[in-house]
Structures are given as structure tokens and as C-alpha cells.
C-alpha atoms as a PDB file:
ATOM      1  CA  MET A   1     -13.350   5.133  21.848  1.00  0.00           C
ATOM      2  CA  ALA A   2     -11.630   2.859  19.355  1.00  0.00           C
ATOM      3  CA  SER A   3      -9.694  -0.189  20.510  1.00  0.00           C
ATOM      4  CA  TYR A   4      -6.424  -1.370  19.042  1.00  0.00           C
ATOM      5  CA  HIS A   5      -8.293  -4.390  17.643  1.00  0.00           C
ATOM      6  CA  TRP A   6     -10.557  -2.026  15.691  1.00  0.00           C
ATOM      7  CA  VAL A   7      -7.539  -0.052  14.489  1.00  0.00           C
ATOM      8  CA  ALA A   8      -5.811  -3.272  13.374  1.00  0.00           C
ATOM      9  CA  GLU A   9      -8.840  -4.336  11.350  1.00  0.00           C
ATOM     10  CA  LYS A  10      -9.139  -0.940   9.646  1.00  0.00           C
ATOM     11  CA  ALA A  11      -5.370  -0.571   9.141  1.00  0.00           C
ATOM     12  CA  ILE A  12      -4.810  -3.757   7.122  1.00  0.00           C
ATOM     13  CA  PRO A  13      -5.807  -2.325   3.718  1.00  0.00           C
ATOM     14  CA  TYR A  14      -3.681   0.786   4.293  1.00  0.00           C
ATOM     15  CA  LEU A  15      -0.626  -1.215   5.348  1.00  0.00           C
ATOM     16  CA  LYS A  16      -0.996  -3.530   2.360  1.00  0.00           C
ATOM     17  CA  LYS A  17      -0.825  -0.472   0.096  1.00  0.00           C
ATOM     18  CA  ASP A  18       1.931   1.252   2.090  1.00  0.00           C
ATOM     19  CA  PRO A  19       3.776  -1.073   4.504  1.00  0.00           C
ATOM     20  CA  ASN A  20       5.946   1.830   5.697  1.00  0.00           C
ATOM     21  CA  MET A  21       2.989   3.959   6.812  1.00  0.00           C
ATOM     22  CA  GLY A  22       3.730   5.204  10.299  1.00  0.00           C
ATOM     23  CA  ALA A  23       1.356   5.329  13.234  1.00  0.00           C
ATOM     24  CA  LYS A  24       0.980   9.122  13.051  1.00  0.00           C
ATOM     25  CA  LYS A  25      -0.122   9.075   9.402  1.00  0.00           C
ATOM     26  CA  LEU A  26      -2.398   6.084  10.033  1.00  0.00           C
ATOM     27  CA  GLN A  27      -3.925   7.929  12.982  1.00  0.00           C
ATOM     28  CA  LYS A  28      -4.775  10.920  10.786  1.00  0.00           C
ATOM     29  CA  VAL A  29      -6.207   8.738   7.994  1.00  0.00           C
ATOM     30  CA  LEU A  30      -8.445   6.758  10.355  1.00  0.00           C
ATOM     31  CA  GLU A  31      -9.575   9.812  12.318  1.00  0.00           C
ATOM     32  CA  ASP A  32     -10.489  11.641   9.116  1.00  0.00           C
ATOM     33  CA  LYS A  33     -12.280   8.687   7.528  1.00  0.00           C
ATOM     34  CA  TYR A  34     -14.241   7.487  10.574  1.00  0.00           C
ATOM     35  CA  GLN A  35     -14.654  10.815  12.427  1.00  0.00           C
ATOM     36  CA  VAL A  36     -13.230   9.395  15.666  1.00  0.00           C
ATOM     37  CA  THR A  37     -10.438  10.427  17.998  1.00  0.00           C
ATOM     38  CA  ILE A  38      -7.833   7.729  18.568  1.00  0.00           C
ATOM     39  CA  GLY A  39      -4.869   7.965  20.911  1.00  0.00           C
ATOM     40  CA  TYR A  40      -1.410   7.511  19.412  1.00  0.00           C
ATOM     41  CA  SER A  41      -0.625   4.462  21.583  1.00  0.00           C
ATOM     42  CA  THR A  42      -3.855   2.777  20.451  1.00  0.00           C
ATOM     43  CA  VAL A  43      -2.977   3.399  16.806  1.00  0.00           C
ATOM     44  CA  TRP A  44       0.593   2.194  17.360  1.00  0.00           C
ATOM     45  CA  ALA A  45      -0.596  -1.058  18.983  1.00  0.00           C
ATOM     46  CA  GLY A  46      -3.228  -1.582  16.276  1.00  0.00           C
ATOM     47  CA  ARG A  47      -0.665  -0.966  13.545  1.00  0.00           C
ATOM     48  CA  GLN A  48       1.682  -3.529  15.123  1.00  0.00           C
ATOM     49  CA  LYS A  49      -1.119  -6.106  15.294  1.00  0.00           C
ATOM     50  CA  ALA A  50      -2.134  -5.459  11.673  1.00  0.00           C
ATOM     51  CA  ALA A  51       1.479  -5.736  10.499  1.00  0.00           C
ATOM     52  CA  GLU A  52       1.817  -9.089  12.297  1.00  0.00           C
ATOM     53  CA  GLN A  53      -1.357 -10.339  10.634  1.00  0.00           C
ATOM     54  CA  ILE A  54      -0.037  -9.336   7.213  1.00  0.00           C
ATOM     55  CA  PHE A  55       3.656 -10.135   7.485  1.00  0.00           C
ATOM     56  CA  GLY A  56       3.948 -12.441  10.510  1.00  0.00           C
ATOM     57  CA  THR A  57       5.947 -11.870  13.670  1.00  0.00           C
ATOM     58  CA  TRP A  58       9.666 -11.179  13.969  1.00  0.00           C
ATOM     59  CA  GLU A  59      10.077 -14.589  15.582  1.00  0.00           C
ATOM     60  CA  GLU A  60       8.413 -16.355  12.642  1.00  0.00           C
ATOM     61  CA  SER A  61      10.611 -14.451  10.207  1.00  0.00           C
ATOM     62  CA  PHE A  62      13.736 -15.318  12.169  1.00  0.00           C
ATOM     63  CA  TRP A  63      12.990 -19.034  12.266  1.00  0.00           C
ATOM     64  CA  LEU A  64      12.105 -19.047   8.573  1.00  0.00           C
ATOM     65  CA  PHE A  65      15.445 -17.358   7.878  1.00  0.00           C
ATOM     66  CA  VAL A  66      17.297 -19.938   9.996  1.00  0.00           C
ATOM     67  CA  GLN A  67      15.581 -22.794   8.184  1.00  0.00           C
ATOM     68  CA  LEU A  68      16.373 -21.334   4.771  1.00  0.00           C
ATOM     69  CA  GLN A  69      19.999 -20.760   5.756  1.00  0.00           C
ATOM     70  CA  GLY A  70      20.285 -24.363   6.908  1.00  0.00           C
ATOM     71  CA  ARG A  71      19.066 -25.655   3.547  1.00  0.00           C
ATOM     72  CA  GLY A  72      21.714 -23.685   1.690  1.00  0.00           C
ATOM     73  CA  ARG A  73      24.564 -25.282   3.646  1.00  0.00           C
ATOM     74  CA  ALA A  74      23.645 -28.905   3.100  1.00  0.00           C
END
């Protein structure tokens, strides 16, 4: 059975091409390509991890936004 770490690794190229790809579509793509069965929650967690690796976390984005806003006011 695939782990969410495996899903994250395999999902990165797909999310780079289509950042809005949902977990359900990603699940189908990975199951078809690798001939495995992956639970939805595993795909969802793997997709979240891959998205964080590509785009960073919400917290990082927030603090970057705050820093950029602060520079504009000075």
C-alpha cells in the first residue's frame, strides 16, 4: 500500500503542471499509472505535502505577505 510520502513524491510533477488538480483526479492518475490502489485520505495528505514542498506553507506565505506589506508603508 502506498504511503502519503510516496504520493507526495509522485504528485510533484503533476501539481507543477496543474496546481489546481484535486485529490480525486490525482488519485485516478496515480492508480492508473502505477497500478496501485490508494485511499483518498492518503492521496489528500500526499497532495498537501507535495503542494507545501512546491509552494511553501500557508504560514510562510502569510509572513512573507506581512513583510512585503511592511516595506510598502515605510
